C-alpha atoms as a PDB file:
ATOM      1  CA  MET A   1     -11.063   7.393  -1.486  1.00  0.00           C
ATOM      2  CA  ARG A   2     -11.384   9.400   1.832  1.00  0.00           C
ATOM      3  CA  ASP A   3     -14.388   7.166   3.519  1.00  0.00           C
ATOM      4  CA  LEU A   4     -12.406   3.548   2.791  1.00  0.00           C
ATOM      5  CA  ASN A   5      -9.126   5.405   4.110  1.00  0.00           C
ATOM      6  CA  ALA A   6     -11.426   6.424   7.131  1.00  0.00           C
ATOM      7  CA  ARG A   7     -13.014   2.828   7.214  1.00  0.00           C
ATOM      8  CA  LEU A   8      -9.294   1.400   6.998  1.00  0.00           C
ATOM      9  CA  ARG A   9      -7.917   3.424   9.913  1.00  0.00           C
ATOM     10  CA  LYS A  10     -10.834   2.429  11.954  1.00  0.00           C
ATOM     11  CA  LEU A  11     -10.224  -1.295  11.087  1.00  0.00           C
ATOM     12  CA  GLU A  12      -6.846  -0.729  12.317  1.00  0.00           C
ATOM     13  CA  SER A  13      -7.232   0.259  15.219  1.00  0.00           C
ATOM     14  CA  ALA A  14      -9.401  -2.687  16.217  1.00  0.00           C
ATOM     15  CA  ILE A  15      -6.884  -4.857  15.194  1.00  0.00           C
ATOM     16  CA  ARG A  16      -3.624  -3.335  16.101  1.00  0.00           C
ATOM     17  CA  PRO A  17      -1.503  -5.466  18.355  1.00  0.00           C
ATOM     18  CA  PRO A  18      -0.783  -4.036  21.641  1.00  0.00           C
ATOM     19  CA  GLN A  19       3.332  -3.004  20.982  1.00  0.00           C
ATOM     20  CA  HIS A  20       1.971  -0.670  18.329  1.00  0.00           C
ATOM     21  CA  ARG A  21       3.762  -1.113  14.899  1.00  0.00           C
ATOM     22  CA  LYS A  22       2.957   1.369  12.494  1.00  0.00           C
ATOM     23  CA  VAL A  23       1.216   1.439  10.258  1.00  0.00           C
ATOM     24  CA  ARG A  24       2.549   2.553   6.827  1.00  0.00           C
ATOM     25  CA  HIS A  25      -0.128   3.179   3.764  1.00  0.00           C
ATOM     26  CA  PHE A  26       0.862   2.720  -0.351  1.00  0.00           C
ATOM     27  CA  ALA A  27       0.155   3.103  -3.269  1.00  0.00           C
ATOM     28  CA  ILE A  28       0.825   1.994  -6.903  1.00  0.00           C
ATOM     29  CA  GLU A  29      -0.499   1.181 -10.054  1.00  0.00           C
ATOM     30  CA  GLY A  30       0.727  -2.608 -11.894  1.00  0.00           C
ATOM     31  CA  PRO A  31      -0.220  -5.163 -13.933  1.00  0.00           C
ATOM     32  CA  ARG A  32      -3.128  -7.341 -12.095  1.00  0.00           C
ATOM     33  CA  ASP A  33      -0.778 -10.634 -10.986  1.00  0.00           C
ATOM     34  CA  LEU A  34       1.606  -8.856  -9.717  1.00  0.00           C
ATOM     35  CA  PRO A  35       3.937 -11.333  -7.879  1.00  0.00           C
ATOM     36  CA  GLU A  36       3.680 -11.257  -3.711  1.00  0.00           C
ATOM     37  CA  GLY A  37       6.152  -9.395  -2.533  1.00  0.00           C
ATOM     38  CA  ALA A  38       6.782  -6.849  -5.769  1.00  0.00           C
ATOM     39  CA  ALA A  39       4.599  -4.499  -5.073  1.00  0.00           C
ATOM     40  CA  THR A  40       7.212  -4.232  -1.567  1.00  0.00           C
ATOM     41  CA  ALA A  41      10.289  -4.238  -4.043  1.00  0.00           C
ATOM     42  CA  PHE A  42       9.836  -1.560  -5.908  1.00  0.00           C
ATOM     43  CA  LEU A  43       8.354   1.413  -3.573  1.00  0.00           C
ATOM     44  CA  ARG A  44      11.767   0.038  -1.703  1.00  0.00           C
ATOM     45  CA  GLU A  45      13.317   1.027  -4.858  1.00  0.00           C
ATOM     46  CA  PHE A  46      11.641   4.673  -4.884  1.00  0.00           C
ATOM     47  CA  GLY A  47      13.222   4.876  -1.361  1.00  0.00           C
ATOM     48  CA  HIS A  48       9.954   4.686   0.518  1.00  0.00           C
ATOM     49  CA  ASP A  49      11.415   2.796   4.208  1.00  0.00           C
ATOM     50  CA  ILE A  50       9.296  -0.039   4.186  1.00  0.00           C
ATOM     51  CA  ARG A  51      10.529  -1.770   7.341  1.00  0.00           C
ATOM     52  CA  ASP A  52       9.191  -5.231   8.170  1.00  0.00           C
ATOM     53  CA  GLU A  53       7.815  -5.053  11.806  1.00  0.00           C
ATOM     54  CA  ASP A  54       5.498  -2.458  10.386  1.00  0.00           C
ATOM     55  CA  LEU A  55       2.377  -2.894   9.379  1.00  0.00           C
ATOM     56  CA  ASN A  56       2.212  -1.875   5.557  1.00  0.00           C
ATOM     57  CA  ILE A  57      -1.175  -2.025   3.603  1.00  0.00           C
ATOM     58  CA  ILE A  58       0.230  -1.803  -0.589  1.00  0.00           C
ATOM     59  CA  ARG A  59      -3.108  -0.794  -2.834  1.00  0.00           C
ATOM     60  CA  VAL A  60      -2.501  -2.077  -6.415  1.00  0.00           C
ATOM     61  CA  MET A  61      -4.703  -0.400  -8.478  1.00  0.00           C
ATOM     62  CA  VAL A  62      -4.796  -2.168 -11.657  1.00  0.00           C
ATOM     63  CA  ALA A  63      -6.705  -1.698 -15.382  1.00  0.00           C
ATOM     64  CA  ALA A  64      -9.698  -4.259 -16.437  1.00  0.00           C
ATOM     65  CA  GLY A  65      -8.560  -4.518 -19.802  1.00  0.00           C
ATOM     66  CA  ARG A  66      -4.904  -3.991 -19.713  1.00  0.00           C
ATOM     67  CA  ASP A  67      -1.975  -4.426 -17.465  1.00  0.00           C
ATOM     68  CA  LEU A  68      -0.844  -0.974 -16.148  1.00  0.00           C
ATOM     69  CA  PRO A  69       3.269   0.256 -15.909  1.00  0.00           C
ATOM     70  CA  LEU A  70       4.937  -0.221 -12.015  1.00  0.00           C
ATOM     71  CA  LYS A  71       3.777   3.540 -11.049  1.00  0.00           C
ATOM     72  CA  ASP A  72       4.403   5.186  -7.521  1.00  0.00           C
ATOM     73  CA  ILE A  73       1.334   6.835  -6.805  1.00  0.00           C
ATOM     74  CA  THR A  74       1.302   7.140  -3.097  1.00  0.00           C
ATOM     75  CA  ALA A  75       1.453  11.021  -2.784  1.00  0.00           C
ATOM     76  CA  GLU A  76      -0.967  10.931  -5.062  1.00  0.00           C
ATOM     77  CA  CYS A  77      -3.491   9.026  -2.950  1.00  0.00           C
ATOM     78  CA  TYR A  78      -2.087   9.566   0.453  1.00  0.00           C
ATOM     79  CA  ARG A  79      -2.126  13.604   0.907  1.00  0.00           C
END
């Protein structure tokens, strides 16, 4: 997981626009085929300050054989 985070930071620094938007990382567990915007709405309900002007990266962890209930795992993934 740490190697993936390092790779993401490297890619983000290469493509970051000059206005220096904040890069925010979030992670949730959820069902496959989660509608667009549902993850953002779910995280906002949990009190996360997700602003449209920032670069928000939301990872949705899914299970192969079944749908998972929505669960915020940001604190577990980004310490």
